[in-house]
């Protein structure tokens, strides 16, 4: 358990739940970072980042091969950093109706979708299919 979460866990889960809802609604726009598995959003004077890291010691039947790490900061100084498994599963379920791993993973997935603006990319692809232009050399993958 992360000692910095004690007494603040409900607040943090409620905040992440609201952030998830606003991200899904397109009201919050996440940004990419130099780390391809880390995304950042500014909320007022604060920064929130979430990143995916490999589990160093996965079990053979592990359904959770990654750790999702959330960091809250103010003026580029870390306030708290925690992994999904630092959150109390019962409290996450009480606030969100989800278990902690799927909930924090959903925050990560929605942050990534927001940062890479997948919806706009798909719109561009559909437009390109509907309105072909002269062939250009493909960019590298």
Foldseek 3Di string as FASTA:
>chain_A
DDPLCVPPQLVVLLVLLVVLVCLVVVNWAWAADPPNFKIWGDDVQKIKMKGWDADPDDDPPDPDRIWIKIFMGGPPHTPDIDTLVVHDQVSSCVNPVDGSVVSSVSSSVSNSCRHVVVVVVVVVVVVCVVPPDPDDDDDDD
